[in-house]
């Protein structure tokens, strides 16, 4: 009977506090690791967001640079078409738009004419 009470005392006085301490340390460690992972995940998401935003801004600037001369060219074509070829719109349905495009020197791979 004494052996059982010694084992019981050892368990109560040594093993139980150690297990309880390890459990508490484990809980704090888990919470700390969860917080660190959450912060790292948010930081990584913000970094990816900033990279995508800067890429889109760069793409917008590049497209603006490319489209600016083309926009001026389209204004010139539009002005010529309206003032030279479509002054009289009586027979507009019968006009060959491919001939007009060729006369204006439009690149057939890039430009096409449509009537609305």
PDB file of N, CA and C in Angstrom:
ATOM      1  N   UNK A   1       0.796  -1.188   0.000  1.00  0.00           N
ATOM      2  CA  UNK A   1       0.000   0.000   0.000  1.00  0.00           C
ATOM      3  C   UNK A   1       0.843   1.258   0.000  1.00  0.00           C
ATOM      4  N   UNK A   2       1.972   1.190   0.636  1.00  0.00           N
ATOM      5  CA  UNK A   2       2.826   2.349   0.653  1.00  0.00           C
ATOM      6  C   UNK A   2       3.363   2.666  -0.723  1.00  0.00           C
ATOM      7  N   UNK A   3       3.624   1.661  -1.552  1.00  0.00           N
ATOM      8  CA  UNK A   3       4.158   1.875  -2.890  1.00  0.00           C
ATOM      9  C   UNK A   3       3.146   2.645  -3.724  1.00  0.00           C
ATOM     10  N   UNK A   4       1.887   2.303  -3.577  1.00  0.00           N
ATOM     11  CA  UNK A   4       0.859   2.989  -4.329  1.00  0.00           C
ATOM     12  C   UNK A   4       0.780   4.450  -3.902  1.00  0.00           C
ATOM     13  N   UNK A   5       0.874   4.711  -2.648  1.00  0.00           N
ATOM     14  CA  UNK A   5       0.783   6.092  -2.207  1.00  0.00           C
ATOM     15  C   UNK A   5       2.025   6.881  -2.608  1.00  0.00           C
ATOM     16  N   UNK A   6       3.213   6.233  -2.665  1.00  0.00           N
ATOM     17  CA  UNK A   6       4.424   6.913  -3.122  1.00  0.00           C
ATOM     18  C   UNK A   6       4.291   7.237  -4.612  1.00  0.00           C
ATOM     19  N   UNK A   7       3.796   6.272  -5.390  1.00  0.00           N
ATOM     20  CA  UNK A   7       3.585   6.524  -6.828  1.00  0.00           C
ATOM     21  C   UNK A   7       2.556   7.632  -7.044  1.00  0.00           C
ATOM     22  N   UNK A   8       1.529   7.600  -6.206  1.00  0.00           N
ATOM     23  CA  UNK A   8       0.491   8.607  -6.320  1.00  0.00           C
ATOM     24  C   UNK A   8       1.065   9.979  -5.992  1.00  0.00           C
ATOM     25  N   UNK A   9       1.878  10.065  -4.929  1.00  0.00           N
ATOM     26  CA  UNK A   9       2.493  11.330  -4.551  1.00  0.00           C
ATOM     27  C   UNK A   9       3.458  11.811  -5.632  1.00  0.00           C
ATOM     28  N   UNK A  10       4.253  10.896  -6.211  1.00  0.00           N
ATOM     29  CA  UNK A  10       5.175  11.264  -7.283  1.00  0.00           C
ATOM     30  C   UNK A  10       4.403  11.811  -8.491  1.00  0.00           C
ATOM     31  N   UNK A  11       3.330  11.152  -8.807  1.00  0.00           N
ATOM     32  CA  UNK A  11       2.522  11.605  -9.941  1.00  0.00           C
ATOM     33  C   UNK A  11       1.927  12.988  -9.657  1.00  0.00           C
ATOM     34  N   UNK A  12       1.394  13.164  -8.456  1.00  0.00           N
ATOM     35  CA  UNK A  12       0.780  14.443  -8.118  1.00  0.00           C
ATOM     36  C   UNK A  12       1.805  15.566  -7.991  1.00  0.00           C
ATOM     37  N   UNK A  13       2.954  15.275  -7.429  1.00  0.00           N
ATOM     38  CA  UNK A  13       3.926  16.327  -7.136  1.00  0.00           C
ATOM     39  C   UNK A  13       4.914  16.598  -8.286  1.00  0.00           C
ATOM     40  N   UNK A  14       5.185  15.626  -9.141  1.00  0.00           N
ATOM     41  CA  UNK A  14       6.200  15.816 -10.176  1.00  0.00           C
ATOM     42  C   UNK A  14       5.610  15.729 -11.581  1.00  0.00           C
ATOM     43  N   UNK A  15       4.970  14.647 -11.912  1.00  0.00           N
ATOM     44  CA  UNK A  15       4.510  14.403 -13.271  1.00  0.00           C
ATOM     45  C   UNK A  15       3.369  15.347 -13.657  1.00  0.00           C
ATOM     46  N   UNK A  16       2.399  15.541 -12.785  1.00  0.00           N
ATOM     47  CA  UNK A  16       1.260  16.414 -13.110  1.00  0.00           C
ATOM     48  C   UNK A  16       1.694  17.849 -13.402  1.00  0.00           C
ATOM     49  N   UNK A  17       2.537  18.479 -12.549  1.00  0.00           N
ATOM     50  CA  UNK A  17       2.962  19.842 -12.877  1.00  0.00           C
ATOM     51  C   UNK A  17       3.788  19.915 -14.170  1.00  0.00           C
ATOM     52  N   UNK A  18       4.596  18.894 -14.424  1.00  0.00           N
ATOM     53  CA  UNK A  18       5.377  18.893 -15.664  1.00  0.00           C
ATOM     54  C   UNK A  18       4.452  18.803 -16.872  1.00  0.00           C
ATOM     55  N   UNK A  19       3.483  17.925 -16.838  1.00  0.00           N
ATOM     56  CA  UNK A  19       2.535  17.779 -17.943  1.00  0.00           C
ATOM     57  C   UNK A  19       1.726  19.073 -18.106  1.00  0.00           C
ATOM     58  N   UNK A  20       1.271  19.633 -16.992  1.00  0.00           N
ATOM     59  CA  UNK A  20       0.508  20.879 -17.056  1.00  0.00           C
ATOM     60  C   UNK A  20       1.379  22.019 -17.617  1.00  0.00           C
ATOM     61  N   UNK A  21       2.628  22.099 -17.183  1.00  0.00           N
ATOM     62  CA  UNK A  21       3.547  23.125 -17.703  1.00  0.00           C
ATOM     63  C   UNK A  21       3.809  22.956 -19.186  1.00  0.00           C
ATOM     64  N   UNK A  22       4.044  21.714 -19.614  1.00  0.00           N
ATOM     65  CA  UNK A  22       4.256  21.460 -21.050  1.00  0.00           C
ATOM     66  C   UNK A  22       3.011  21.794 -21.866  1.00  0.00           C
ATOM     67  N   UNK A  23       1.853  21.512 -21.318  1.00  0.00           N
ATOM     68  CA  UNK A  23       0.597  21.833 -22.002  1.00  0.00           C
ATOM     69  C   UNK A  23       0.438  23.352 -22.145  1.00  0.00           C
ATOM     70  N   UNK A  24       0.733  24.091 -21.088  1.00  0.00           N
ATOM     71  CA  UNK A  24       0.633  25.554 -21.139  1.00  0.00           C
ATOM     72  C   UNK A  24       1.649  26.120 -22.122  1.00  0.00           C
ATOM     73  N   UNK A  25       2.884  25.627 -22.074  1.00  0.00           N
ATOM     74  CA  UNK A  25       3.916  26.080 -23.021  1.00  0.00           C
ATOM     75  C   UNK A  25       3.491  25.758 -24.454  1.00  0.00           C
ATOM     76  N   UNK A  26       2.914  24.585 -24.674  1.00  0.00           N
ATOM     77  CA  UNK A  26       2.442  24.197 -26.005  1.00  0.00           C
ATOM     78  C   UNK A  26       1.349  25.123 -26.517  1.00  0.00           C
ATOM     79  N   UNK A  27       0.415  25.501 -25.648  1.00  0.00           N
ATOM     80  CA  UNK A  27      -0.672  26.393 -26.047  1.00  0.00           C
ATOM     81  C   UNK A  27      -0.117  27.765 -26.420  1.00  0.00           C
ATOM     82  N   UNK A  28       0.781  28.310 -25.568  1.00  0.00           N
ATOM     83  CA  UNK A  28       1.384  29.612 -25.885  1.00  0.00           C
ATOM     84  C   UNK A  28       2.208  29.552 -27.168  1.00  0.00           C
ATOM     85  N   UNK A  29       2.936  28.463 -27.342  1.00  0.00           N
ATOM     86  CA  UNK A  29       3.747  28.301 -28.555  1.00  0.00           C
ATOM     87  C   UNK A  29       2.863  28.231 -29.795  1.00  0.00           C
ATOM     88  N   UNK A  30       1.761  27.504 -29.704  1.00  0.00           N
ATOM     89  CA  UNK A  30       0.825  27.396 -30.815  1.00  0.00           C
ATOM     90  C   UNK A  30       0.231  28.759 -31.166  1.00  0.00           C
ATOM     91  N   UNK A  31      -0.203  29.505 -30.140  1.00  0.00           N
ATOM     92  CA  UNK A  31      -0.783  30.831 -30.382  1.00  0.00           C
ATOM     93  C   UNK A  31       0.255  31.770 -30.991  1.00  0.00           C
ATOM     94  N   UNK A  32       1.489  31.728 -30.500  1.00  0.00           N
ATOM     95  CA  UNK A  32       2.548  32.586 -31.023  1.00  0.00           C
ATOM     96  C   UNK A  32       2.867  32.224 -32.474  1.00  0.00           C
ATOM     97  N   UNK A  33       2.965  30.946 -32.765  1.00  0.00           N
ATOM     98  CA  UNK A  33       3.233  30.499 -34.130  1.00  0.00           C
ATOM     99  C   UNK A  33       2.085  30.883 -35.059  1.00  0.00           C
ATOM    100  N   UNK A  34       0.869  30.765 -34.594  1.00  0.00           N
ATOM    101  CA  UNK A  34      -0.292  31.145 -35.395  1.00  0.00           C
ATOM    102  C   UNK A  34      -0.267  32.642 -35.692  1.00  0.00           C
ATOM    103  N   UNK A  35       0.087  33.456 -34.731  1.00  0.00           N
ATOM    104  CA  UNK A  35       0.179  34.904 -34.936  1.00  0.00           C
ATOM    105  C   UNK A  35       1.280  35.239 -35.936  1.00  0.00           C
ATOM    106  N   UNK A  36       2.427  34.619 -35.800  1.00  0.00           N
ATOM    107  CA  UNK A  36       3.547  34.866 -36.719  1.00  0.00           C
ATOM    108  C   UNK A  36       3.167  34.461 -38.139  1.00  0.00           C
ATOM    109  N   UNK A  37       2.552  33.295 -38.302  1.00  0.00           N
ATOM    110  CA  UNK A  37       2.139  32.850 -39.635  1.00  0.00           C
ATOM    111  C   UNK A  37       1.090  33.778 -40.241  1.00  0.00           C
ATOM    112  N   UNK A  38       0.163  34.258 -39.417  1.00  0.00           N
ATOM    113  CA  UNK A  38      -0.854  35.181 -39.910  1.00  0.00           C
ATOM    114  C   UNK A  38      -0.216  36.487 -40.378  1.00  0.00           C
ATOM    115  N   UNK A  39       0.725  37.025 -39.615  1.00  0.00           N
ATOM    116  CA  UNK A  39       1.415  38.261 -39.999  1.00  0.00           C
ATOM    117  C   UNK A  39       2.220  38.043 -41.275  1.00  0.00           C
ATOM    118  N   UNK A  40       2.940  36.928 -41.361  1.00  0.00           N
ATOM    119  CA  UNK A  40       3.723  36.636 -42.566  1.00  0.00           C
ATOM    120  C   UNK A  40       2.830  36.464 -43.790  1.00  0.00           C
ATOM    121  N   UNK A  41       1.692  35.815 -43.612  1.00  0.00           N
ATOM    122  CA  UNK A  41       0.756  35.617 -44.716  1.00  0.00           C
ATOM    123  C   UNK A  41       0.221  36.960 -45.200  1.00  0.00           C
ATOM    124  N   UNK A  42      -0.132  37.843 -44.267  1.00  0.00           N
ATOM    125  CA  UNK A  42      -0.645  39.166 -44.639  1.00  0.00           C
ATOM    126  C   UNK A  42       0.438  39.989 -45.341  1.00  0.00           C
ATOM    127  N   UNK A  43       1.664  39.916 -44.843  1.00  0.00           N
ATOM    128  CA  UNK A  43       2.776  40.634 -45.466  1.00  0.00           C
ATOM    129  C   UNK A  43       3.016  40.127 -46.880  1.00  0.00           C
ATOM    130  N   UNK A  44       2.972  38.826 -47.062  1.00  0.00           N
ATOM    131  CA  UNK A  44       3.173  38.247 -48.396  1.00  0.00           C
ATOM    132  C   UNK A  44       2.040  38.635 -49.345  1.00  0.00           C
ATOM    133  N   UNK A  45       0.812  38.637 -48.854  1.00  0.00           N
ATOM    134  CA  UNK A  45      -0.311  39.048 -49.692  1.00  0.00           C
ATOM    135  C   UNK A  45      -0.185  40.511 -50.095  1.00  0.00           C
ATOM    136  N   UNK A  46       0.234  41.367 -49.171  1.00  0.00           N
ATOM    137  CA  UNK A  46       0.434  42.780 -49.500  1.00  0.00           C
ATOM    138  C   UNK A  46       1.551  42.957 -50.520  1.00  0.00           C
ATOM    139  N   UNK A  47       2.613  42.173 -50.384  1.00  0.00           N
ATOM    140  CA  UNK A  47       3.716  42.238 -51.343  1.00  0.00           C
ATOM    141  C   UNK A  47       3.236  41.830 -52.736  1.00  0.00           C
ATOM    142  N   UNK A  48       2.478  40.750 -52.819  1.00  0.00           N
ATOM    143  CA  UNK A  48       1.953  40.286 -54.106  1.00  0.00           C
ATOM    144  C   UNK A  48       0.995  41.322 -54.682  1.00  0.00           C
ATOM    145  N   UNK A  49       0.148  41.908 -53.838  1.00  0.00           N
ATOM    146  CA  UNK A  49      -0.776  42.950 -54.293  1.00  0.00           C
ATOM    147  C   UNK A  49      -0.003  44.142 -54.867  1.00  0.00           C
ATOM    148  N   UNK A  50       1.037  44.581 -54.162  1.00  0.00           N
ATOM    149  CA  UNK A  50       1.837  45.711 -54.641  1.00  0.00           C
ATOM    150  C   UNK A  50       2.533  45.389 -55.957  1.00  0.00           C
ATOM    151  N   UNK A  51       3.035  44.169 -56.096  1.00  0.00           N
ATOM    152  CA  UNK A  51       3.693  43.768 -57.345  1.00  0.00           C
ATOM    153  C   UNK A  51       2.709  43.765 -58.509  1.00  0.00           C
ATOM    154  N   UNK A  52       1.517  43.230 -58.287  1.00  0.00           N
ATOM    155  CA  UNK A  52       0.504  43.193 -59.343  1.00  0.00           C
ATOM    156  C   UNK A  52       0.080  44.617 -59.708  1.00  0.00           C
ATOM    157  N   UNK A  53      -0.122  45.463 -58.698  1.00  0.00           N
ATOM    158  CA  UNK A  53      -0.519  46.840 -58.956  1.00  0.00           C
ATOM    159  C   UNK A  53       0.562  47.589 -59.743  1.00  0.00           C
ATOM    160  N   UNK A  54       1.821  47.415 -59.376  1.00  0.00           N
ATOM    161  CA  UNK A  54       2.893  48.108 -60.097  1.00  0.00           C
ATOM    162  C   UNK A  54       3.017  47.574 -61.522  1.00  0.00           C
ATOM    163  N   UNK A  55       2.790  46.277 -61.716  1.00  0.00           N
ATOM    164  CA  UNK A  55       2.833  45.703 -63.056  1.00  0.00           C
ATOM    165  C   UNK A  55       1.711  46.273 -63.924  1.00  0.00           C
ATOM    166  N   UNK A  56       0.517  46.386 -63.356  1.00  0.00           N
ATOM    167  CA  UNK A  56      -0.616  46.925 -64.111  1.00  0.00           C
ATOM    168  C   UNK A  56      -0.375  48.400 -64.435  1.00  0.00           C
ATOM    169  N   UNK A  57       0.177  49.152 -63.486  1.00  0.00           N
ATOM    170  CA  UNK A  57       0.487  50.562 -63.761  1.00  0.00           C
ATOM    171  C   UNK A  57       1.526  50.681 -64.865  1.00  0.00           C
ATOM    172  N   UNK A  58       2.542  49.829 -64.831  1.00  0.00           N
ATOM    173  CA  UNK A  58       3.569  49.836 -65.876  1.00  0.00           C
ATOM    174  C   UNK A  58       2.959  49.478 -67.225  1.00  0.00           C
ATOM    175  N   UNK A  59       2.068  48.501 -67.236  1.00  0.00           N
ATOM    176  CA  UNK A  59       1.402  48.108 -68.471  1.00  0.00           C
ATOM    177  C   UNK A  59       0.540  49.254 -69.002  1.00  0.00           C
ATOM    178  N   UNK A  60      -0.139  49.963 -68.110  1.00  0.00           N
ATOM    179  CA  UNK A  60      -0.965  51.093 -68.515  1.00  0.00           C
ATOM    180  C   UNK A  60      -0.107  52.188 -69.140  1.00  0.00           C
ATOM    181  N   UNK A  61       1.038  52.488 -68.534  1.00  0.00           N
ATOM    182  CA  UNK A  61       1.931  53.516 -69.075  1.00  0.00           C
ATOM    183  C   UNK A  61       2.462  53.085 -70.436  1.00  0.00           C
ATOM    184  N   UNK A  62       2.860  51.814 -70.543  1.00  0.00           N
ATOM    185  CA  UNK A  62       3.385  51.324 -71.823  1.00  0.00           C
ATOM    186  C   UNK A  62       2.322  51.385 -72.915  1.00  0.00           C
ATOM    187  N   UNK A  63       1.099  50.988 -72.595  1.00  0.00           N
ATOM    188  CA  UNK A  63       0.023  51.054 -73.583  1.00  0.00           C
ATOM    189  C   UNK A  63      -0.296  52.494 -73.970  1.00  0.00           C
ATOM    190  N   UNK A  64      -0.228  53.404 -73.020  1.00  0.00           N
ATOM    191  CA  UNK A  64      -0.467  54.809 -73.336  1.00  0.00           C
ATOM    192  C   UNK A  64       0.581  55.325 -74.311  1.00  0.00           C
ATOM    193  N   UNK A  65       1.825  54.947 -74.097  1.00  0.00           N
ATOM    194  CA  UNK A  65       2.905  55.375 -74.987  1.00  0.00           C
ATOM    195  C   UNK A  65       2.706  54.797 -76.383  1.00  0.00           C
ATOM    196  N   UNK A  66       2.295  53.546 -76.448  1.00  0.00           N
ATOM    197  CA  UNK A  66       2.094  52.895 -77.747  1.00  0.00           C
ATOM    198  C   UNK A  66       0.860  53.454 -78.451  1.00  0.00           C
ATOM    199  N   UNK A  67      -0.212  53.702 -77.708  1.00  0.00           N
ATOM    200  CA  UNK A  67      -1.475  54.119 -78.316  1.00  0.00           C
ATOM    201  C   UNK A  67      -1.512  55.588 -78.712  1.00  0.00           C
ATOM    202  N   UNK A  68      -0.674  56.412 -78.136  1.00  0.00           N
ATOM    203  CA  UNK A  68      -0.728  57.845 -78.431  1.00  0.00           C
ATOM    204  C   UNK A  68      -0.517  58.154 -79.913  1.00  0.00           C
ATOM    205  N   UNK A  69       0.534  57.628 -80.574  1.00  0.00           N
ATOM    206  CA  UNK A  69       0.668  57.906 -82.011  1.00  0.00           C
ATOM    207  C   UNK A  69      -0.457  57.280 -82.836  1.00  0.00           C
ATOM    208  N   UNK A  70      -0.910  56.110 -82.420  1.00  0.00           N
ATOM    209  CA  UNK A  70      -1.983  55.452 -83.151  1.00  0.00           C
ATOM    210  C   UNK A  70      -3.275  56.251 -83.038  1.00  0.00           C
ATOM    211  N   UNK A  71      -3.513  56.846 -81.882  1.00  0.00           N
ATOM    212  CA  UNK A  71      -4.717  57.659 -81.711  1.00  0.00           C
ATOM    213  C   UNK A  71      -4.682  58.875 -82.631  1.00  0.00           C
ATOM    214  N   UNK A  72      -3.534  59.516 -82.748  1.00  0.00           N
ATOM    215  CA  UNK A  72      -3.400  60.665 -83.660  1.00  0.00           C
ATOM    216  C   UNK A  72      -3.602  60.223 -85.111  1.00  0.00           C
ATOM    217  N   UNK A  73      -3.050  59.065 -85.443  1.00  0.00           N
ATOM    218  CA  UNK A  73      -3.218  58.537 -86.795  1.00  0.00           C
ATOM    219  C   UNK A  73      -4.692  58.248 -87.072  1.00  0.00           C
ATOM    220  N   UNK A  74      -5.400  57.705 -86.093  1.00  0.00           N
ATOM    221  CA  UNK A  74      -6.822  57.426 -86.274  1.00  0.00           C
ATOM    222  C   UNK A  74      -7.620  58.719 -86.444  1.00  0.00           C
ATOM    223  N   UNK A  75      -7.245  59.766 -85.727  1.00  0.00           N
ATOM    224  CA  UNK A  75      -7.921  61.062 -85.910  1.00  0.00           C
ATOM    225  C   UNK A  75      -7.714  61.571 -87.333  1.00  0.00           C
ATOM    226  N   UNK A  76      -6.493  61.441 -87.837  1.00  0.00           N
ATOM    227  CA  UNK A  76      -6.211  61.888 -89.208  1.00  0.00           C
ATOM    228  C   UNK A  76      -7.033  61.088 -90.225  1.00  0.00           C
ATOM    229  N   UNK A  77      -7.063  59.762 -90.052  1.00  0.00           N
ATOM    230  CA  UNK A  77      -7.863  58.928 -90.949  1.00  0.00           C
ATOM    231  C   UNK A  77      -9.343  59.310 -90.875  1.00  0.00           C
ATOM    232  N   UNK A  78      -9.829  59.490 -89.658  1.00  0.00           N
ATOM    233  CA  UNK A  78     -11.231  59.831 -89.469  1.00  0.00           C
ATOM    234  C   UNK A  78     -11.559  61.162 -90.141  1.00  0.00           C
ATOM    235  N   UNK A  79     -10.685  62.140 -89.967  1.00  0.00           N
ATOM    236  CA  UNK A  79     -10.901  63.446 -90.588  1.00  0.00           C
ATOM    237  C   UNK A  79     -10.945  63.327 -92.111  1.00  0.00           C
ATOM    238  N   UNK A  80     -10.020  62.568 -92.694  1.00  0.00           N
ATOM    239  CA  UNK A  80      -9.990  62.392 -94.151  1.00  0.00           C
ATOM    240  C   UNK A  80     -11.239  61.667 -94.645  1.00  0.00           C
ATOM    241  N   UNK A  81     -11.636  60.633 -93.918  1.00  0.00           N
ATOM    242  CA  UNK A  81     -12.806  59.848 -94.343  1.00  0.00           C
ATOM    243  C   UNK A  81     -14.067  60.703 -94.297  1.00  0.00           C
ATOM    244  N   UNK A  82     -14.251  61.439 -93.212  1.00  0.00           N
ATOM    245  CA  UNK A  82     -15.465  62.240 -93.064  1.00  0.00           C
ATOM    246  C   UNK A  82     -15.488  63.388 -94.065  1.00  0.00           C
ATOM    247  N   UNK A  83     -14.374  64.085 -94.210  1.00  0.00           N
ATOM    248  CA  UNK A  83     -14.362  65.288 -95.052  1.00  0.00           C
ATOM    249  C   UNK A  83     -14.173  65.000 -96.537  1.00  0.00           C
ATOM    250  N   UNK A  84     -13.528  63.902 -96.880  1.00  0.00           N
ATOM    251  CA  UNK A  84     -13.243  63.637 -98.289  1.00  0.00           C
ATOM    252  C   UNK A  84     -14.200  62.612 -98.901  1.00  0.00           C
ATOM    253  N   UNK A  85     -14.409  61.502 -98.234  1.00  0.00           N
ATOM    254  CA  UNK A  85     -15.157  60.396 -98.843  1.00  0.00           C
ATOM    255  C   UNK A  85     -16.638  60.387 -98.478  1.00  0.00           C
ATOM    256  N   UNK A  86     -16.988  60.892 -97.297  1.00  0.00           N
ATOM    257  CA  UNK A  86     -18.373  60.808 -96.854  1.00  0.00           C
ATOM    258  C   UNK A  86     -19.029  62.182 -96.711  1.00  0.00           C
ATOM    259  N   UNK A  87     -18.645  63.117 -97.553  1.00  0.00           N
ATOM    260  CA  UNK A  87     -19.343  64.399 -97.541  1.00  0.00           C
ATOM    261  C   UNK A  87     -20.785  64.216 -97.986  1.00  0.00           C
ATOM    262  N   UNK A  88     -20.960  63.388 -98.985  1.00  0.00           N
ATOM    263  CA  UNK A  88     -22.289  63.091 -99.492  1.00  0.00           C
ATOM    264  C   UNK A  88     -22.610  61.656 -99.091  1.00  0.00           C
ATOM    265  N   UNK A  89     -23.611  61.468 -98.265  1.00  0.00           N
ATOM    266  CA  UNK A  89     -23.942  60.128 -97.773  1.00  0.00           C
ATOM    267  C   UNK A  89     -25.148  59.528 -98.479  1.00  0.00           C
ATOM    268  N   UNK A  90     -25.404  59.959 -99.708  1.00  0.00           N
ATOM    269  CA  UNK A  90     -26.570  59.459-100.448  1.00  0.00           C
ATOM    270  C   UNK A  90     -26.414  57.980-100.749  1.00  0.00           C
ATOM    271  N   UNK A  91     -25.288  57.587-101.268  1.00  0.00           N
ATOM    272  CA  UNK A  91     -25.083  56.177-101.647  1.00  0.00           C
ATOM    273  C   UNK A  91     -24.022  55.526-100.756  1.00  0.00           C
ATOM    274  N   UNK A  92     -24.106  55.773 -99.486  1.00  0.00           N
ATOM    275  CA  UNK A  92     -23.085  55.279 -98.556  1.00  0.00           C
ATOM    276  C   UNK A  92     -23.098  53.749 -98.439  1.00  0.00           C
ATOM    277  N   UNK A  93     -24.257  53.146 -98.688  1.00  0.00           N
ATOM    278  CA  UNK A  93     -24.347  51.687 -98.591  1.00  0.00           C
ATOM    279  C   UNK A  93     -23.575  50.998 -99.701  1.00  0.00           C
ATOM    280  N   UNK A  94     -23.350  51.678-100.825  1.00  0.00           N
ATOM    281  CA  UNK A  94     -22.703  51.065-101.986  1.00  0.00           C
ATOM    282  C   UNK A  94     -21.209  51.366-102.077  1.00  0.00           C
ATOM    283  N   UNK A  95     -20.666  52.115-101.157  1.00  0.00           N
ATOM    284  CA  UNK A  95     -19.246  52.480-101.213  1.00  0.00           C
ATOM    285  C   UNK A  95     -18.399  51.290-100.787  1.00  0.00           C
ATOM    286  N   UNK A  96     -17.326  51.045-101.533  1.00  0.00           N
ATOM    287  CA  UNK A  96     -16.399  49.966-101.218  1.00  0.00           C
ATOM    288  C   UNK A  96     -15.385  50.484-100.195  1.00  0.00           C
ATOM    289  N   UNK A  97     -15.517  50.020 -98.973  1.00  0.00           N
ATOM    290  CA  UNK A  97     -14.653  50.498 -97.891  1.00  0.00           C
ATOM    291  C   UNK A  97     -13.220  49.992 -98.045  1.00  0.00           C
ATOM    292  N   UNK A  98     -13.032  48.857 -98.684  1.00  0.00           N
ATOM    293  CA  UNK A  98     -11.672  48.358 -98.916  1.00  0.00           C
ATOM    294  C   UNK A  98     -10.895  49.287 -99.839  1.00  0.00           C
ATOM    295  N   UNK A  99     -11.586  49.851-100.870  1.00  0.00           N
ATOM    296  CA  UNK A  99     -10.919  50.808-101.759  1.00  0.00           C
ATOM    297  C   UNK A  99     -10.503  52.069-100.990  1.00  0.00           C
ATOM    298  N   UNK A 100     -11.375  52.554-100.124  1.00  0.00           N
ATOM    299  CA  UNK A 100     -11.046  53.739 -99.329  1.00  0.00           C
ATOM    300  C   UNK A 100      -9.854  53.446 -98.422  1.00  0.00           C
ATOM    301  N   UNK A 101      -9.867  52.283 -97.807  1.00  0.00           N
ATOM    302  CA  UNK A 101      -8.759  51.899 -96.932  1.00  0.00           C
ATOM    303  C   UNK A 101      -7.455  51.841 -97.718  1.00  0.00           C
ATOM    304  N   UNK A 102      -7.495  51.291 -98.925  1.00  0.00           N
ATOM    305  CA  UNK A 102      -6.294  51.224 -99.763  1.00  0.00           C
ATOM    306  C   UNK A 102      -5.832  52.613-100.195  1.00  0.00           C
ATOM    307  N   UNK A 103      -6.768  53.498-100.564  1.00  0.00           N
ATOM    308  CA  UNK A 103      -6.412  54.856-100.984  1.00  0.00           C
ATOM    309  C   UNK A 103      -5.777  55.654 -99.845  1.00  0.00           C
ATOM    310  N   UNK A 104      -6.234  55.412 -98.631  1.00  0.00           N
ATOM    311  CA  UNK A 104      -5.663  56.115 -97.485  1.00  0.00           C
ATOM    312  C   UNK A 104      -4.324  55.522 -97.045  1.00  0.00           C
ATOM    313  N   UNK A 105      -3.983  54.368 -97.566  1.00  0.00           N
ATOM    314  CA  UNK A 105      -2.725  53.721 -97.194  1.00  0.00           C
ATOM    315  C   UNK A 105      -2.779  53.028 -95.844  1.00  0.00           C
ATOM    316  N   UNK A 106      -3.942  52.600 -95.451  1.00  0.00           N
ATOM    317  CA  UNK A 106      -4.089  51.911 -94.164  1.00  0.00           C
ATOM    318  C   UNK A 106      -3.530  50.499 -94.251  1.00  0.00           C
ATOM    319  N   UNK A 107      -2.871  50.088 -93.197  1.00  0.00           N
ATOM    320  CA  UNK A 107      -2.357  48.728 -93.113  1.00  0.00           C
ATOM    321  C   UNK A 107      -3.536  47.782 -92.892  1.00  0.00           C
ATOM    322  N   UNK A 108      -3.699  46.820 -93.797  1.00  0.00           N
ATOM    323  CA  UNK A 108      -4.864  45.925 -93.716  1.00  0.00           C
ATOM    324  C   UNK A 108      -4.779  44.968 -92.533  1.00  0.00           C
ATOM    325  N   UNK A 109      -3.597  44.787 -91.963  1.00  0.00           N
ATOM    326  CA  UNK A 109      -3.449  43.914 -90.794  1.00  0.00           C
ATOM    327  C   UNK A 109      -3.871  44.626 -89.505  1.00  0.00           C
ATOM    328  N   UNK A 110      -3.785  45.968 -89.522  1.00  0.00           N
ATOM    329  CA  UNK A 110      -4.044  46.738 -88.311  1.00  0.00           C
ATOM    330  C   UNK A 110      -5.400  47.443 -88.355  1.00  0.00           C
ATOM    331  N   UNK A 111      -5.790  47.968 -89.503  1.00  0.00           N
ATOM    332  CA  UNK A 111      -6.979  48.802 -89.607  1.00  0.00           C
ATOM    333  C   UNK A 111      -8.052  48.155 -90.468  1.00  0.00           C
ATOM    334  N   UNK A 112      -9.289  48.477 -90.128  1.00  0.00           N
ATOM    335  CA  UNK A 112     -10.419  48.077 -90.919  1.00  0.00           C
ATOM    336  C   UNK A 112     -11.487  49.157 -90.789  1.00  0.00           C
ATOM    337  N   UNK A 113     -12.334  49.280 -91.778  1.00  0.00           N
ATOM    338  CA  UNK A 113     -13.383  50.294 -91.771  1.00  0.00           C
ATOM    339  C   UNK A 113     -14.744  49.632 -91.635  1.00  0.00           C
ATOM    340  N   UNK A 114     -15.593  50.254 -90.787  1.00  0.00           N
ATOM    341  CA  UNK A 114     -16.957  49.782 -90.588  1.00  0.00           C
ATOM    342  C   UNK A 114     -17.876  50.977 -90.584  1.00  0.00           C
ATOM    343  N   UNK A 115     -19.106  50.774 -91.006  1.00  0.00           N
ATOM    344  CA  UNK A 115     -20.119  51.823 -90.943  1.00  0.00           C
ATOM    345  C   UNK A 115     -21.155  51.413 -89.924  1.00  0.00           C
ATOM    346  N   UNK A 116     -21.531  52.363 -89.083  1.00  0.00           N
ATOM    347  CA  UNK A 116     -22.591  52.124 -88.095  1.00  0.00           C
ATOM    348  C   UNK A 116     -23.826  52.870 -88.487  1.00  0.00           C
TER     349      UNK A 116
END
